[in-house]
Amino acid sequence: MIAAGPTGTEAVTSTTWGVVPTQSTSSPPPAQVLTLTATNNNAQYFKVVNTGAETITGLSYVVAITGGTKTALALTACSIAWTQGGSGTCSGTSTTIGTWSVQTPLPNGTVASGISVTSGTAPAAAGAQLFLRATPSNAPAAGVTFTLNTTVSSGPTRQIRAARTTNS
C-alpha cells in the first residue's frame, strides 16, 4: 500500500496493453503477425483490436513486402466496418495510415518495406476495434505477400494513456 494522503491509501496494480492485427472473428483474437496475399491489386480487409486493459493513444505499423519489384501497399482506417467488395467504401471516418513501397528511389509520402509508421489512429479503448483496408498497387498476377505487425510504445514516445490515481 502507498499512502495517498490524508484521505486514504491506494493499492498499486499492474496492467496490460497490446494491439493485434487480425482477420479472425474470435474474441479475443489470437496474438499474431498478419500475413496477407494480394493478386492483381485486390484490396484486403482486416482489423486491429486493442487486446489490453489500457486506453492507447497511438500505434506503430510495420509492413514487409515480399514479391513484386515495384509493389506498394496503402493502409487506410475506417471508424466502422468497410463495405467490402467493389470500391470498398467507408461510411464512417476514413484516415490514411501510410504507404509502404519496394520502389527505389521512394516517391514522396512513401516509406520502404519493413519501416515503421506511427499513427494516432488506433483502437483506443480496451476491446475496441479499428477496421483497415490494405490496398496494393503494382501487385503481380502471381501475387505478393504483405506481412503486418503492430506495436504500442510505453517508452518516451508513449502510446498509452497516462495513468491516473484516485484516493480511495
Foldseek 3Di string as FASTA:
>chain_A
DDDPPPQADDDDDDWDWDKAKDQDPDVPDDHDWDKDKDAPFFKDKIKIWIQIQFFFQKKKKAKAKADFQWKKKWKKKEQDAWPDDDPGDHPGDIDTQAMETNDPPDDPGYHYHGDIGMDSDDQTHHGGMIMMMITMDRAHNVIMMMIMDMDADCPPVHGTPDDDDDHD
